[in-house]
C-alpha atoms as a PDB file:
ATOM      1  CA  MET A   1     -69.878 -60.034  36.421  1.00  0.00           C
ATOM      2  CA  SER A   2     -66.399 -59.332  35.033  1.00  0.00           C
ATOM      3  CA  ASP A   3     -66.810 -62.320  32.685  1.00  0.00           C
ATOM      4  CA  ARG A   4     -69.220 -60.181  30.645  1.00  0.00           C
ATOM      5  CA  VAL A   5     -66.688 -57.407  30.004  1.00  0.00           C
ATOM      6  CA  TYR A   6     -65.090 -58.083  26.641  1.00  0.00           C
ATOM      7  CA  HIS A   7     -61.932 -56.301  25.576  1.00  0.00           C
ATOM      8  CA  VAL A   8     -61.221 -55.506  21.948  1.00  0.00           C
ATOM      9  CA  ASP A   9     -58.802 -58.456  21.479  1.00  0.00           C
ATOM     10  CA  ASP A  10     -60.808 -61.030  23.457  1.00  0.00           C
ATOM     11  CA  LEU A  11     -62.522 -63.797  21.520  1.00  0.00           C
ATOM     12  CA  HIS A  12     -66.034 -64.917  22.419  1.00  0.00           C
ATOM     13  CA  PRO A  13     -67.363 -67.091  19.580  1.00  0.00           C
ATOM     14  CA  ASP A  14     -69.794 -69.014  21.803  1.00  0.00           C
ATOM     15  CA  GLY A  15     -70.486 -66.218  24.292  1.00  0.00           C
ATOM     16  CA  VAL A  16     -67.708 -67.302  26.653  1.00  0.00           C
ATOM     17  CA  ARG A  17     -64.778 -64.892  26.970  1.00  0.00           C
ATOM     18  CA  ILE A  18     -61.454 -66.333  25.768  1.00  0.00           C
ATOM     19  CA  VAL A  19     -58.385 -64.250  26.571  1.00  0.00           C
ATOM     20  CA  VAL A  20     -55.359 -64.771  24.347  1.00  0.00           C
ATOM     21  CA  ASN A  21     -52.074 -63.076  25.172  1.00  0.00           C
ATOM     22  CA  TRP A  22     -51.631 -61.827  21.623  1.00  0.00           C
ATOM     23  CA  ASP A  23     -48.334 -60.118  22.514  1.00  0.00           C
ATOM     24  CA  ASP A  24     -46.786 -63.592  22.966  1.00  0.00           C
ATOM     25  CA  VAL A  25     -47.970 -64.837  19.556  1.00  0.00           C
ATOM     26  CA  VAL A  26     -44.914 -64.631  17.293  1.00  0.00           C
ATOM     27  CA  VAL A  27     -44.599 -65.508  13.617  1.00  0.00           C
ATOM     28  CA  GLY A  28     -44.800 -69.284  13.243  1.00  0.00           C
ATOM     29  CA  SER A  29     -46.627 -69.878  16.524  1.00  0.00           C
ATOM     30  CA  SER A  30     -50.219 -70.973  16.939  1.00  0.00           C
ATOM     31  CA  VAL A  31     -53.009 -71.094  19.482  1.00  0.00           C
ATOM     32  CA  PHE A  32     -55.980 -73.464  19.751  1.00  0.00           C
ATOM     33  CA  ILE A  33     -59.359 -71.960  20.619  1.00  0.00           C
ATOM     34  CA  PRO A  34     -61.956 -74.539  21.690  1.00  0.00           C
ATOM     35  CA  CYS A  35     -65.380 -73.477  20.409  1.00  0.00           C
ATOM     36  CA  VAL A  36     -68.455 -74.638  18.532  1.00  0.00           C
ATOM     37  CA  ASN A  37     -69.014 -71.570  16.370  1.00  0.00           C
ATOM     38  CA  THR A  38     -65.848 -71.719  14.279  1.00  0.00           C
ATOM     39  CA  THR A  39     -67.140 -69.183  11.757  1.00  0.00           C
ATOM     40  CA  VAL A  40     -67.416 -66.492  14.427  1.00  0.00           C
ATOM     41  CA  ALA A  41     -64.062 -67.512  15.943  1.00  0.00           C
ATOM     42  CA  ARG A  42     -62.408 -67.132  12.526  1.00  0.00           C
ATOM     43  CA  SER A  43     -63.987 -63.701  12.040  1.00  0.00           C
ATOM     44  CA  GLN A  44     -62.984 -62.464  15.490  1.00  0.00           C
ATOM     45  CA  ALA A  45     -59.409 -63.727  15.068  1.00  0.00           C
ATOM     46  CA  GLN A  46     -59.203 -62.067  11.650  1.00  0.00           C
ATOM     47  CA  ASN A  47     -60.319 -58.766  13.198  1.00  0.00           C
ATOM     48  CA  VAL A  48     -57.532 -59.014  15.788  1.00  0.00           C
ATOM     49  CA  ALA A  49     -55.003 -59.806  13.051  1.00  0.00           C
ATOM     50  CA  GLU A  50     -56.123 -56.848  10.940  1.00  0.00           C
ATOM     51  CA  ARG A  51     -55.764 -54.459  13.886  1.00  0.00           C
ATOM     52  CA  ARG A  52     -52.247 -55.773  14.492  1.00  0.00           C
ATOM     53  CA  LYS A  53     -51.395 -55.839  10.746  1.00  0.00           C
ATOM     54  CA  TRP A  54     -50.742 -59.605  10.862  1.00  0.00           C
ATOM     55  CA  THR A  55     -51.527 -62.396   8.450  1.00  0.00           C
ATOM     56  CA  ILE A  56     -53.042 -65.495  10.022  1.00  0.00           C
ATOM     57  CA  LYS A  57     -54.321 -68.897   8.961  1.00  0.00           C
ATOM     58  CA  VAL A  58     -57.373 -70.283  10.778  1.00  0.00           C
ATOM     59  CA  THR A  59     -58.416 -73.919  10.469  1.00  0.00           C
ATOM     60  CA  PRO A  60     -61.310 -75.711  12.184  1.00  0.00           C
ATOM     61  CA  ARG A  61     -60.079 -78.926  13.835  1.00  0.00           C
ATOM     62  CA  VAL A  62     -60.509 -81.447  16.608  1.00  0.00           C
ATOM     63  CA  GLU A  63     -57.699 -81.597  19.156  1.00  0.00           C
ATOM     64  CA  ASN A  64     -57.742 -83.713  22.315  1.00  0.00           C
ATOM     65  CA  GLN A  65     -61.397 -84.487  21.594  1.00  0.00           C
ATOM     66  CA  LEU A  66     -62.299 -80.776  21.557  1.00  0.00           C
ATOM     67  CA  PHE A  67     -63.708 -79.003  18.501  1.00  0.00           C
ATOM     68  CA  GLY A  68     -62.390 -75.533  17.749  1.00  0.00           C
ATOM     69  CA  VAL A  69     -59.989 -73.547  15.585  1.00  0.00           C
ATOM     70  CA  ARG A  70     -56.216 -73.429  15.422  1.00  0.00           C
ATOM     71  CA  ILE A  71     -54.855 -69.983  14.577  1.00  0.00           C
ATOM     72  CA  TRP A  72     -51.357 -69.677  13.100  1.00  0.00           C
ATOM     73  CA  ARG A  73     -49.580 -66.350  12.760  1.00  0.00           C
ATOM     74  CA  THR A  74     -47.869 -66.318   9.375  1.00  0.00           C
ATOM     75  CA  THR A  75     -46.569 -62.720   9.267  1.00  0.00           C
END
């Protein structure tokens, strides 16, 4: 049942909880989020960035045969 508890910085674009250790994301680093609903993933990542006063770039892509988004922290 704990899989259904979402925290404010968790992503869940397809209904599956994805935990990112946002404290380890430094300027210039990136993280790949495998998902189908890239529009929701972009929106959720942007919400996290706004709360943390960051600028990010989000691009839909295929990596290792998985569709998803890559999120880069730019500031």
